[in-house]
Protein backbone atom coordinates (compact mmCIF):
# COMPACT_ATOMS: atom_id res chain seq x y z
CA MET A 1 -0.72 24.95 -6.21
CA GLY A 2 2.45 23.12 -5.29
CA LEU A 3 0.50 20.36 -3.54
CA LEU A 4 -1.86 20.05 -6.51
CA LEU A 5 1.10 19.73 -8.87
CA LEU A 6 2.68 17.02 -6.72
CA TRP A 7 -0.67 15.22 -6.52
CA PHE A 8 -0.96 15.28 -10.32
CA VAL A 9 2.48 13.67 -10.57
CA ALA A 10 1.41 11.08 -7.98
CA CYS A 11 -1.64 10.24 -10.12
CA VAL A 12 0.59 9.73 -13.16
CA LEU A 13 2.83 7.34 -11.19
CA ALA A 14 -0.26 5.53 -9.89
CA ILE A 15 -1.85 4.96 -13.30
CA VAL A 16 1.07 4.32 -15.69
CA GLY A 17 1.18 0.62 -16.62
CA LEU A 18 -1.36 -0.12 -13.88
CA GLY A 19 -2.98 -3.10 -15.56
CA ASP A 20 -0.01 -4.46 -17.48
CA LEU A 21 0.81 -7.11 -14.88
CA PRO A 22 -1.61 -9.70 -13.46
CA LEU A 23 -3.05 -9.56 -9.96
CA ARG A 24 -0.82 -11.10 -7.35
CA ASP A 25 -1.38 -13.47 -4.45
CA PHE A 26 -2.82 -13.22 -1.93
CA ASP A 27 -4.59 -9.95 -1.28
CA GLU A 28 -5.19 -8.78 -4.84
CA GLY A 29 -6.75 -12.02 -6.02
CA ILE A 30 -9.04 -12.12 -2.98
CA VAL A 31 -9.98 -8.43 -3.08
CA ALA A 32 -10.83 -8.69 -6.78
CA ARG A 33 -13.06 -11.74 -6.31
CA VAL A 34 -14.92 -10.29 -3.30
CA ALA A 35 -15.50 -7.04 -5.20
CA PHE A 36 -16.68 -8.94 -8.28
CA GLU A 37 -19.21 -10.92 -6.24
CA LEU A 38 -20.44 -7.71 -4.58
CA SER A 39 -20.92 -6.17 -8.03
CA GLN A 40 -23.37 -8.98 -8.85
CA LYS A 41 -25.49 -8.45 -5.73
CA GLN A 42 -28.51 -6.21 -5.21
CA GLY A 43 -30.12 -4.57 -2.19
CA THR A 44 -29.07 -5.59 1.30
CA GLU A 45 -27.16 -8.59 -0.05
CA ALA A 46 -24.50 -6.14 -1.26
CA LEU A 47 -23.80 -5.22 2.37
CA LEU A 48 -22.39 -8.66 3.21
CA PRO A 49 -19.21 -9.66 1.34
CA THR A 50 -18.69 -13.21 0.16
CA LEU A 51 -15.77 -15.14 -1.32
CA TRP A 52 -16.83 -17.95 -3.65
CA ASP A 53 -20.32 -17.59 -2.16
CA ALA A 54 -19.07 -18.24 1.38
CA PRO A 55 -19.06 -15.50 4.06
CA TYR A 56 -15.92 -13.34 3.76
CA LEU A 57 -14.75 -12.52 7.28
CA ASN A 58 -11.20 -11.28 6.77
CA LYS A 59 -11.76 -7.55 6.06
CA PRO A 60 -14.69 -5.10 5.93
CA PRO A 61 -15.93 -4.36 2.42
CA GLY A 62 -15.23 -0.61 2.15
CA LEU A 63 -12.65 -0.83 -0.63
CA HIS A 64 -14.43 -3.80 -2.20
CA TRP A 65 -17.58 -1.67 -2.59
CA LEU A 66 -15.62 0.99 -4.48
CA ILE A 67 -14.10 -1.58 -6.83
CA ALA A 68 -17.52 -3.20 -7.27
CA ALA A 69 -18.98 0.20 -8.21
CA ALA A 70 -16.23 0.65 -10.80
CA ILE A 71 -17.01 -2.80 -12.21
CA GLN A 72 -20.70 -1.97 -12.46
CA LEU A 73 -19.96 1.34 -14.20
CA ASN A 74 -17.63 -0.26 -16.71
CA ASN A 75 -18.56 -3.88 -17.18
CA SER A 76 -15.85 -4.74 -19.68
CA GLY A 77 -12.57 -6.65 -19.55
CA ASP A 78 -9.33 -6.88 -21.43
CA THR A 79 -8.66 -10.52 -20.61
CA SER A 80 -9.16 -13.51 -22.86
CA LEU A 81 -11.43 -15.04 -20.24
CA PRO A 82 -14.94 -13.57 -20.58
CA GLY A 83 -16.75 -11.76 -17.80
CA LEU A 84 -13.76 -10.56 -15.78
CA PRO A 85 -13.03 -6.84 -15.30
CA SER A 86 -9.60 -5.66 -16.39
CA ASN A 87 -6.61 -5.50 -14.06
CA THR A 88 -6.65 -1.71 -14.46
CA LEU A 89 -10.28 -1.47 -13.38
CA VAL A 90 -9.67 -3.59 -10.28
CA ARG A 91 -6.67 -1.48 -9.21
CA LEU A 92 -7.93 1.96 -10.25
CA ALA A 93 -9.95 2.98 -7.15
CA PRO A 94 -7.29 2.01 -4.57
CA ALA A 95 -4.55 3.54 -6.72
CA VAL A 96 -6.27 6.92 -6.99
CA LEU A 97 -7.23 6.98 -3.31
CA SER A 98 -3.65 6.16 -2.36
CA THR A 99 -2.31 9.21 -4.20
CA LEU A 100 -4.19 11.49 -1.78
CA ILE A 101 -1.51 10.84 0.83
CA VAL A 102 0.77 13.26 -1.07
CA PRO A 103 -1.29 16.47 -0.64
CA LEU A 104 -2.79 15.34 2.67
CA GLY A 105 0.64 14.63 4.15
CA GLY A 106 1.71 18.12 3.11
CA LEU A 107 -1.38 19.60 4.79
CA VAL A 108 -0.61 17.76 8.03
CA GLN A 109 2.83 19.35 8.00
CA TRP A 110 1.30 22.75 7.17
CA HIS A 111 -0.75 22.60 10.38
CA LEU A 112 2.25 21.44 12.42
CA ARG A 113 4.62 24.07 11.01
CA PRO A 114 2.32 26.98 10.04
CA ASN A 115 3.46 29.16 7.15
CA ASP A 116 6.48 26.91 6.50
CA ARG A 117 5.82 26.36 2.81
CA THR A 118 9.07 24.53 2.20
CA SER A 119 8.49 21.92 4.93
CA CYS A 120 4.95 21.39 3.65
CA LEU A 121 6.07 20.81 0.06
CA ALA A 122 9.11 18.80 1.18
CA THR A 123 6.87 16.42 3.15
CA ALA A 124 4.58 15.93 0.16
CA ALA A 125 7.58 15.42 -2.15
CA ILE A 126 9.03 12.78 0.17
CA LEU A 127 5.72 10.88 0.18
CA LEU A 128 5.60 11.19 -3.61
CA THR A 129 9.04 9.62 -4.06
CA LEU A 130 9.00 6.79 -1.51
CA MET A 131 8.93 3.57 -3.53
CA PRO A 132 6.85 1.53 -1.01
CA VAL A 133 4.21 4.29 -0.90
CA VAL A 134 3.97 4.36 -4.71
CA ARG A 135 4.17 0.59 -5.23
CA HIS A 136 1.77 -0.59 -2.52
CA GLY A 137 -0.64 2.21 -3.41
CA ARG A 138 -1.02 0.77 -6.94
CA LEU A 139 -2.13 -2.62 -5.70
CA ALA A 140 -5.72 -3.70 -5.10
CA MET A 141 -5.06 -3.70 -1.38
CA LEU A 142 -6.29 -1.74 1.62
CA ASP A 143 -3.01 -0.25 2.84
CA GLY A 144 -2.72 2.72 0.46
CA PRO A 145 -6.29 4.02 0.93
CA GLN A 146 -6.00 3.44 4.68
CA LEU A 147 -2.87 5.64 4.83
CA SER A 148 -4.71 8.45 3.00
CA ALA A 149 -7.67 8.10 5.38
CA MET A 150 -5.34 8.32 8.39
CA ALA A 151 -3.76 11.50 6.99
CA LEU A 152 -7.18 13.11 6.42
CA LEU A 153 -8.22 12.21 9.98
CA TRP A 154 -5.10 13.96 11.31
CA VAL A 155 -5.69 17.03 9.11
CA LEU A 156 -9.21 17.41 10.49
CA ILE A 157 -8.05 17.03 14.10
CA LEU A 158 -5.21 19.50 13.61
CA SER A 159 -7.54 22.09 12.08
CA LEU A 160 -9.82 22.33 15.15
CA ASP A 161 -9.65 25.92 16.44
CA ARG A 162 -12.84 26.70 18.45
CA SER A 163 -14.54 28.22 15.40
CA THR A 164 -18.01 27.47 14.09
CA MET A 165 -16.41 25.13 11.54
CA ASP A 166 -15.36 22.73 14.28
CA ARG A 167 -18.69 20.87 14.19
CA TRP A 168 -18.15 20.05 10.51
CA ARG A 169 -14.53 19.09 11.12
CA THR A 170 -15.49 16.68 13.90
CA LEU A 171 -18.32 15.31 11.74
CA GLY A 172 -15.74 14.80 8.98
CA ALA A 173 -13.38 13.12 11.46
CA GLY A 174 -16.20 10.77 12.44
CA LEU A 175 -16.97 9.96 8.80
CA ILE A 176 -13.30 9.27 8.08
CA SER A 177 -13.19 7.05 11.16
CA SER A 178 -16.21 5.21 9.72
CA GLY A 179 -14.28 4.81 6.50
CA MET A 180 -11.35 3.33 8.40
CA LEU A 181 -13.73 0.96 10.18
CA LEU A 182 -14.79 -0.21 6.72
CA LEU A 183 -11.21 -0.69 5.47
CA LYS A 184 -9.01 -2.19 8.20
CA ALA A 185 -11.09 -1.79 11.32
CA PRO A 186 -8.38 -2.48 13.96
CA LEU A 187 -6.01 0.14 12.48
CA LEU A 188 -8.37 2.93 13.55
CA LEU A 189 -7.28 2.39 17.17
CA PRO A 190 -3.52 3.08 16.73
CA ALA A 191 -4.22 5.80 14.14
CA ALA A 192 -6.54 7.60 16.57
CA ALA A 193 -4.17 7.01 19.48
CA ALA A 194 -1.26 8.42 17.46
CA ALA A 195 -3.25 11.65 17.09
CA LEU A 196 -4.74 11.66 20.61
CA ILE A 197 -1.43 11.35 22.47
CA PRO A 198 0.09 14.54 20.95
CA VAL A 199 -3.23 16.38 21.46
CA LEU A 200 -3.26 15.48 25.16
CA TRP A 201 0.48 16.06 25.49
CA GLY A 202 0.22 19.59 24.10
CA GLY A 203 -2.91 20.53 26.00
CA GLU A 204 -4.77 21.16 22.74
CA PHE A 205 -7.70 19.10 23.92
CA ARG A 206 -8.58 21.60 26.67
CA ARG A 207 -8.41 24.55 24.27
CA TRP A 208 -10.89 23.41 21.66
CA TRP A 209 -12.94 20.59 23.23
CA ARG A 210 -16.65 21.14 23.73
CA TRP A 211 -19.15 18.40 24.52
CA PRO A 212 -21.37 19.02 21.46
CA LEU A 213 -18.40 18.03 19.31
CA ALA A 214 -18.66 14.49 20.69
CA GLY A 215 -22.18 14.30 19.26
CA TRP A 216 -21.02 15.40 15.82
CA PHE A 217 -18.18 12.89 15.92
CA GLY A 218 -20.63 10.18 17.00
CA VAL A 219 -22.92 10.99 14.06
CA GLY A 220 -19.96 10.51 11.73
CA LEU A 221 -19.22 7.12 13.29
CA ILE A 222 -22.75 5.82 12.64
CA PRO A 223 -22.15 4.37 9.13
CA GLY A 224 -19.09 2.36 10.17
CA LEU A 225 -20.58 1.13 13.45
CA ALA A 226 -23.91 0.36 11.77
CA TRP A 227 -22.26 -1.89 9.21
CA HIS A 228 -20.35 -3.81 11.91
CA LEU A 229 -23.60 -4.22 13.86
CA TRP A 230 -25.42 -5.41 10.72
CA HIS A 231 -22.54 -7.77 9.97
CA GLY A 232 -22.62 -9.16 13.50
CA LEU A 233 -26.38 -9.75 13.40
CA HIS A 234 -26.10 -11.72 10.16
CA ARG A 235 -22.77 -13.50 10.64
CA GLY A 236 -22.84 -14.06 14.39
CA THR A 237 -19.61 -14.66 16.29
CA GLY A 238 -17.74 -15.09 13.00
CA ALA A 239 -17.94 -11.31 12.57
CA LEU A 240 -15.62 -10.91 15.57
CA TRP A 241 -12.75 -12.23 13.45
CA LEU A 242 -12.46 -8.72 11.97
CA TRP A 243 -11.36 -7.52 15.40
CA GLY A 244 -10.01 -10.60 17.15
CA GLY A 245 -8.29 -12.68 14.47
CA ASP A 246 -7.29 -9.83 12.18
CA GLY A 247 -6.57 -7.37 14.99
CA ALA A 248 -5.58 -8.53 18.46
CA GLY A 249 -4.75 -12.00 17.17
CA ARG A 250 -1.91 -10.64 15.07
CA VAL A 251 -0.38 -9.01 18.13
CA LEU A 252 -0.86 -11.78 20.68
CA PHE A 253 -0.21 -14.84 18.52
CA ASP A 254 0.53 -15.96 15.00
CA ALA A 255 -2.70 -15.30 13.11
CA GLY A 256 -1.55 -16.20 9.61
CA GLU A 257 1.29 -16.77 7.23
CA GLY A 258 4.12 -14.26 7.33
CA SER A 259 7.80 -13.81 7.97
CA ASP A 260 9.37 -15.35 11.06
CA LEU A 261 11.71 -12.34 11.40
CA GLY A 262 9.17 -10.54 13.61
CA TRP A 263 9.94 -6.88 14.31
CA LYS A 264 12.85 -6.97 11.85
CA VAL A 265 10.44 -7.03 8.88
CA PRO A 266 9.17 -3.42 9.27
CA VAL A 267 12.68 -2.26 10.16
CA ILE A 268 14.07 -3.85 6.99
CA GLU A 269 11.21 -2.37 4.96
CA MET A 270 12.02 1.12 6.25
CA LEU A 271 15.76 0.67 5.63
CA GLU A 272 15.14 -0.57 2.09
CA GLY A 273 12.36 1.80 1.06
CA GLY A 274 13.30 5.12 2.66
CA TRP A 275 15.93 6.26 0.17
CA PRO A 276 17.22 8.86 -0.49
CA TRP A 277 15.54 10.56 2.49
CA LEU A 278 16.50 7.93 5.06
CA LEU A 279 19.74 9.82 5.76
CA LEU A 280 17.67 12.68 7.21
CA TRP A 281 15.73 10.55 9.69
CA PRO A 282 18.30 10.43 12.58
CA PHE A 283 18.70 14.22 12.46
CA ALA A 284 14.93 14.63 12.28
CA MET A 285 14.36 12.47 15.36
CA ALA A 286 16.96 14.43 17.33
CA TRP A 287 15.44 17.71 16.14
CA ALA A 288 11.92 16.60 17.09
CA TRP A 289 13.15 15.62 20.55
CA ARG A 290 14.80 19.04 20.98
CA GLN A 291 11.52 20.68 19.89
CA ARG A 292 9.33 18.27 21.82
CA HIS A 293 7.50 21.19 23.41
CA SER A 294 6.43 22.48 19.97
CA ARG A 295 3.39 21.17 18.12
CA TRP A 296 5.54 19.68 15.39
CA GLY A 297 7.85 17.96 17.88
CA LYS A 298 4.97 16.40 19.81
CA TRP A 299 3.17 15.15 16.69
CA ALA A 300 6.30 13.99 14.85
CA LEU A 301 7.58 12.03 17.84
CA GLY A 302 4.19 10.87 19.08
CA THR A 303 2.91 9.52 15.78
CA GLN A 304 6.19 7.78 14.95
CA VAL A 305 6.47 6.13 18.37
CA ILE A 306 2.79 5.15 18.79
CA LEU A 307 2.54 3.56 15.34
CA ALA A 308 5.87 1.80 15.83
CA ILE A 309 4.59 0.36 19.12
CA ALA A 310 1.45 -0.82 17.31
CA ILE A 311 3.29 -2.43 14.37
CA LEU A 312 6.63 -3.80 15.63
CA PRO A 313 5.15 -6.35 18.12
CA LEU A 314 2.90 -8.01 15.53
CA LYS A 315 3.45 -11.76 15.57
CA THR A 316 2.38 -11.98 11.94
CA GLN A 317 4.59 -9.70 9.83
CA LEU A 318 4.38 -8.86 6.14
CA PRO A 319 6.21 -5.97 4.41
CA TRP A 320 3.11 -3.83 3.86
CA TYR A 321 2.18 -3.89 7.55
CA SER A 322 4.75 -1.11 8.00
CA HIS A 323 2.88 1.16 5.55
CA PRO A 324 1.41 3.51 8.23
CA LEU A 325 4.94 4.39 9.38
CA TRP A 326 5.68 6.33 6.17
CA LEU A 327 3.52 9.33 7.09
CA PRO A 328 5.36 10.07 10.38
CA PHE A 329 8.63 9.37 8.53
CA ALA A 330 7.79 12.11 5.99
CA LEU A 331 6.63 14.52 8.70
CA LEU A 332 9.98 14.10 10.42
CA CYS A 333 12.21 14.29 7.35
CA GLY A 334 10.38 17.21 5.73
CA ALA A 335 11.77 19.69 8.28
CA PRO A 336 15.51 18.91 7.85
CA LEU A 337 15.07 18.78 4.06
CA ALA A 338 13.57 22.29 4.21
CA TRP A 339 16.46 23.42 6.42
CA LEU A 340 18.99 22.09 3.90
CA ILE A 341 17.38 24.32 1.29
CA HIS A 342 17.15 27.51 3.38
CA ARG A 343 19.99 27.07 5.93
CA LYS A 344 18.72 30.05 7.93
CA ASP A 345 16.25 28.63 10.42
CA LEU A 346 16.60 30.40 13.77
CA THR A 347 16.90 27.01 15.49
CA SER A 348 19.35 24.85 13.62
CA PRO A 349 18.78 21.10 13.95
CA PRO A 350 21.05 19.00 16.16
CA GLY A 351 24.09 17.91 14.22
CA ALA A 352 23.63 20.72 11.70
CA ALA A 353 27.34 20.67 10.93
CA VAL A 354 26.98 17.04 9.82
CA LEU A 355 23.52 17.44 8.28
CA LYS A 356 24.72 20.08 5.83
CA HIS A 357 27.12 17.48 4.38
CA VAL A 358 24.35 14.90 3.71
CA PRO A 359 24.12 16.13 0.08
CA PHE A 360 27.67 14.78 -0.34
CA LEU A 361 26.27 11.32 0.33
CA TRP A 362 23.41 11.93 -2.12
CA LEU A 363 25.98 13.00 -4.70
CA ALA A 364 28.00 9.83 -4.04
CA LEU A 365 24.87 7.66 -4.24
CA GLY A 366 23.88 9.34 -7.49
CA VAL A 367 27.28 8.80 -9.08
CA SER A 368 27.22 5.15 -7.97
CA LEU A 369 23.81 4.67 -9.56
CA VAL A 370 24.99 6.31 -12.78
CA LEU A 371 27.95 3.92 -12.93
CA PHE A 372 25.61 1.00 -12.20
CA GLY A 373 23.31 2.12 -15.00
CA LEU A 374 26.14 2.61 -17.48
CA ILE A 375 27.55 -0.85 -16.73
CA GLY A 376 24.09 -2.35 -17.25
CA ALA A 377 23.39 -0.39 -20.43
CA SER A 378 26.75 -1.38 -21.91
CA GLY A 379 25.96 -5.08 -21.49
CA LEU A 380 29.08 -5.76 -19.42
CA VAL A 381 26.92 -7.27 -16.66
CA LEU A 382 23.73 -8.67 -18.16
CA THR A 383 21.93 -8.92 -14.82
CA PHE A 384 22.20 -5.13 -14.46
CA TYR A 385 20.66 -4.41 -17.87
CA PRO A 386 16.93 -4.42 -16.94
CA TYR A 387 17.61 -1.87 -14.19
CA SER A 388 19.98 0.40 -16.09
CA GLY A 389 17.42 3.03 -17.16
CA ILE A 390 15.94 3.23 -13.65
CA ALA A 391 19.40 3.58 -12.09
CA LEU A 392 20.46 6.24 -14.60
CA ALA A 393 17.32 8.32 -14.00
CA ALA A 394 17.71 8.27 -10.22
CA GLY A 395 21.50 8.61 -10.41
CA VAL A 396 21.48 11.70 -12.62
CA GLY A 397 18.81 13.39 -10.49
CA TRP A 398 20.51 12.58 -7.19
CA SER A 399 24.03 13.46 -8.29
CA ILE A 400 23.01 16.83 -9.78
CA GLY A 401 20.71 17.47 -6.82
CA GLY A 402 23.35 16.59 -4.25
CA TRP A 403 25.91 18.82 -5.97
CA LEU A 404 23.51 21.78 -6.21
CA MET A 405 22.41 21.42 -2.58
CA LEU A 406 26.02 21.96 -1.54
CA ARG A 407 26.09 25.37 -3.26
CA PRO A 408 26.10 28.54 -1.14
CA THR A 409 23.06 30.18 -2.77
CA HIS A 410 19.46 29.43 -1.85
CA ALA A 411 18.30 29.36 -5.48
CA LYS A 412 20.75 26.61 -6.41
CA ARG A 413 19.91 24.54 -3.33
CA LYS A 414 16.24 24.83 -4.25
CA LEU A 415 17.03 23.58 -7.76
CA GLY A 416 19.01 20.77 -6.15
CA ALA A 417 16.00 19.62 -4.14
CA ILE A 418 13.86 19.76 -7.28
CA SER A 419 16.48 17.67 -9.10
CA MET A 420 16.46 15.06 -6.33
CA VAL A 421 12.68 14.77 -6.54
CA ALA A 422 12.67 14.78 -10.36
CA GLY A 423 15.27 11.99 -10.50
CA SER A 424 13.27 9.86 -8.10
CA VAL A 425 10.03 10.50 -9.99
CA ALA A 426 11.65 9.63 -13.33
CA ALA A 427 13.07 6.40 -11.88
CA LEU A 428 9.71 5.47 -10.37
CA TYR A 429 7.96 6.20 -13.67
CA LEU A 430 10.33 3.85 -15.50
CA LEU A 431 9.91 1.21 -12.81
CA MET A 432 6.10 1.39 -12.75
CA SER A 433 5.85 1.30 -16.55
CA SER A 434 8.04 -1.83 -16.68
CA SER A 435 7.39 -5.44 -15.70
CA LEU A 436 9.69 -5.10 -12.66
CA TRP A 437 7.52 -3.24 -10.17
CA LEU A 438 5.51 -6.27 -9.03
CA TRP A 439 8.45 -8.55 -8.29
CA GLU A 440 6.38 -10.90 -6.09
CA LEU A 441 5.06 -12.42 -9.33
CA ASN A 442 8.51 -13.97 -9.81
CA GLU A 443 8.15 -16.00 -6.63
CA ASN A 444 5.76 -18.47 -8.26
CA TRP A 445 4.59 -19.70 -11.65
CA PRO A 446 2.37 -17.41 -13.77
CA VAL A 447 -1.32 -18.12 -13.36
CA GLU A 448 -2.88 -16.76 -16.56
CA PRO A 449 -1.78 -19.62 -18.89
CA VAL A 450 -2.95 -22.14 -16.29
CA ALA A 451 -6.29 -20.33 -15.94
CA GLN A 452 -6.74 -20.58 -19.72
CA LEU A 453 -6.18 -24.33 -19.46
CA ALA A 454 -8.77 -24.58 -16.68
CA ALA A 455 -11.27 -22.82 -18.94
CA GLN A 456 -11.19 -25.88 -21.23
CA ALA A 457 -13.15 -27.75 -18.54
CA LYS A 458 -16.10 -25.50 -19.44
CA GLY A 459 -17.09 -24.73 -15.85
CA ALA A 460 -16.56 -28.22 -14.41
CA LYS A 461 -14.68 -28.48 -11.10
CA VAL A 462 -10.90 -28.37 -11.63
CA VAL A 463 -8.24 -29.13 -8.99
CA LEU A 464 -4.51 -28.45 -8.78
CA GLU A 465 -2.04 -31.28 -8.26
CA GLY A 466 1.22 -30.70 -6.41
CA ASN A 467 0.54 -27.06 -5.47
CA ASP A 468 -1.34 -25.06 -2.87
CA GLU A 469 -4.43 -23.07 -3.77
CA ARG A 470 -3.69 -19.65 -5.31
CA PRO A 471 -6.30 -16.85 -5.13
CA SER A 472 -4.98 -15.18 -8.28
CA LEU A 473 -5.43 -18.44 -10.24
CA ASN A 474 -8.96 -18.71 -8.86
CA TRP A 475 -9.66 -15.16 -10.05
CA TYR A 476 -8.50 -15.65 -13.63
CA ALA A 477 -10.03 -19.13 -13.89
CA GLY A 478 -13.40 -17.91 -12.66
CA GLN A 479 -13.68 -20.76 -10.15
CA ARG A 480 -12.08 -21.89 -6.92
CA ILE A 481 -9.33 -24.34 -7.85
CA SER A 482 -8.48 -26.31 -4.73
CA SER A 483 -5.55 -28.66 -4.29
CA LEU A 484 -5.96 -32.30 -5.32
CA ASP A 485 -5.50 -33.36 -1.69
CA ALA A 486 -8.73 -31.54 -0.80
CA VAL A 487 -10.71 -33.19 -3.64
CA PRO A 488 -8.99 -36.56 -4.33
CA ASP A 489 -11.76 -37.86 -6.60
CA ALA A 490 -11.77 -34.86 -8.95
CA GLU A 491 -12.25 -35.55 -12.67
CA TRP A 492 -10.34 -32.51 -14.02
CA ILE A 493 -6.77 -32.11 -12.79
CA LEU A 494 -4.13 -29.48 -13.53
CA THR A 495 -0.59 -30.82 -13.19
CA ARG A 496 2.89 -29.65 -14.10
CA ASN A 497 6.02 -30.92 -15.97
CA PRO A 498 6.10 -33.74 -18.55
CA GLN A 499 7.21 -36.51 -16.18
CA ARG A 500 4.45 -35.76 -13.72
CA ILE A 501 1.87 -35.50 -16.52
CA SER A 502 2.82 -38.96 -17.79
CA SER A 503 2.79 -40.62 -14.37
CA MET A 504 -0.53 -39.00 -13.42
CA ALA A 505 -2.10 -40.21 -16.66
CA GLN A 506 -0.96 -43.79 -15.94
CA GLU A 507 -1.72 -43.84 -12.22
CA ARG A 508 -5.25 -42.48 -12.50
CA GLN A 509 -6.05 -43.67 -16.04
CA CYS A 510 -6.49 -40.09 -17.22
CA LYS A 511 -6.32 -38.70 -20.72
CA LEU A 512 -4.68 -35.48 -21.81
CA ALA A 513 -7.35 -32.84 -22.47
CA GLN A 514 -5.12 -29.86 -23.16
CA SER A 515 -1.50 -28.80 -22.59
CA LYS A 516 0.25 -25.44 -22.44
CA GLU A 517 3.98 -24.96 -21.89
CA ASP A 518 4.84 -27.42 -19.08
CA TRP A 519 1.27 -27.60 -17.76
CA ALA A 520 -1.49 -30.02 -18.71
CA LEU A 521 -5.19 -30.44 -18.02
CA LEU A 522 -6.07 -34.10 -17.46
CA PHE A 523 -9.53 -35.60 -17.60
CA CYS A 524 -10.00 -38.53 -15.25
CA GLY A 525 -13.74 -39.02 -15.69
CA PRO A 526 -15.77 -42.13 -16.58
CA GLN A 527 -14.94 -41.90 -20.32
CA THR A 528 -11.38 -43.04 -19.60
CA GLN A 529 -12.41 -46.26 -17.97
């Protein structure tokens, strides 16, 4: 019941304000377009994804199929441009699938620490309140659903016990592996390795393995492998990009745009996004090492290390590439959080004398956030004002929670943990219902007004002057808007700022077709000659 309650809260955080902000570059705009084109296909054509009618070779279409099914079931939009599904509809399937990590993460911990209810619920609560898990899960991207699929794969492997149910568990593991092959195919390898290493390390493999289970697992793999075979037969060597360019290529060489900070990107993401539970992680790692002969110690250490080895060396780094690391993080931190509540585990964690004072730091952080929020709400520092409500919600929850978790009675410490979680949930609710949660939109100009300008061309080819191509603009405009450099003789041109509009009109003998804010649509066709 506790896991179901936490999952319900996760669904609320996933859905609130989901479609209020436009789709972002790059993944969301591309995912939406591929899904939309799949929704228009019939029969075997729907098995092969396309992007602007060209073969789409970047990712398998597992998530795109789900979004396409949602589009087909509800073929309506809330945008001023006809024919497009709403932002909410595009994001809904990945958002809901991403919430499953909360109960599934708790179930993984339940198998690792049997009958430890508090660690189970603490792990789920940590996953519920991690901002990167909530935020990336709401996006029309593959990372959130992939994390849930990885957790379900681990649950099924952990539940093997030489019973008659094992055949169905291995069949389920095979089907989930197929699902991962249809989301981000290369990630199945480190996810499976992260589970296999602890299984081999603990000798579990010898206890429950029987050869017929391999057949059941193989049956489960058929859908994923069959699609890759079908894709290869129709797309030829280009289909190998799913494994070479998107997989090994990102490890061995730079396979795309990303940060040049390398391994520092996932480290920074963990340091920024792990609060308030990040303070527990060093104690958790030391505790897992001490208990490395236990099932929990092997899995907590093994999964954290294997996934870190798979992610840190990537030559191409983006913040969401670190997303798989949050499940091992929660498995580690759930145990010391449970110990802080009970304080009577037979084996105290290393540094217990220091760990029991961590709530002091949470109290200090909470008070600091309350002061930050009050300064913002008062208008003394205008830049703080948009964040004041979020800071106050987290600050009140953390300060009360930290204070209660220092109390000598178990009941008050339990209320303290609940207060910590409630403060984080309230802050996340305020963030996700605001215009602040998708801050990448602030890195570039808004696309929706420009897409409305492009619609004035009534389907004619439009190009963009002075800017690179943007998938989100393509999505809202309903056509691929390339840069002017790629199509120098284009008749319809989008350009920005009054000076540039004037010079473009003179240089190319264009006339102003439509303007909006500091953007203009110029027509440079034969009528202007």
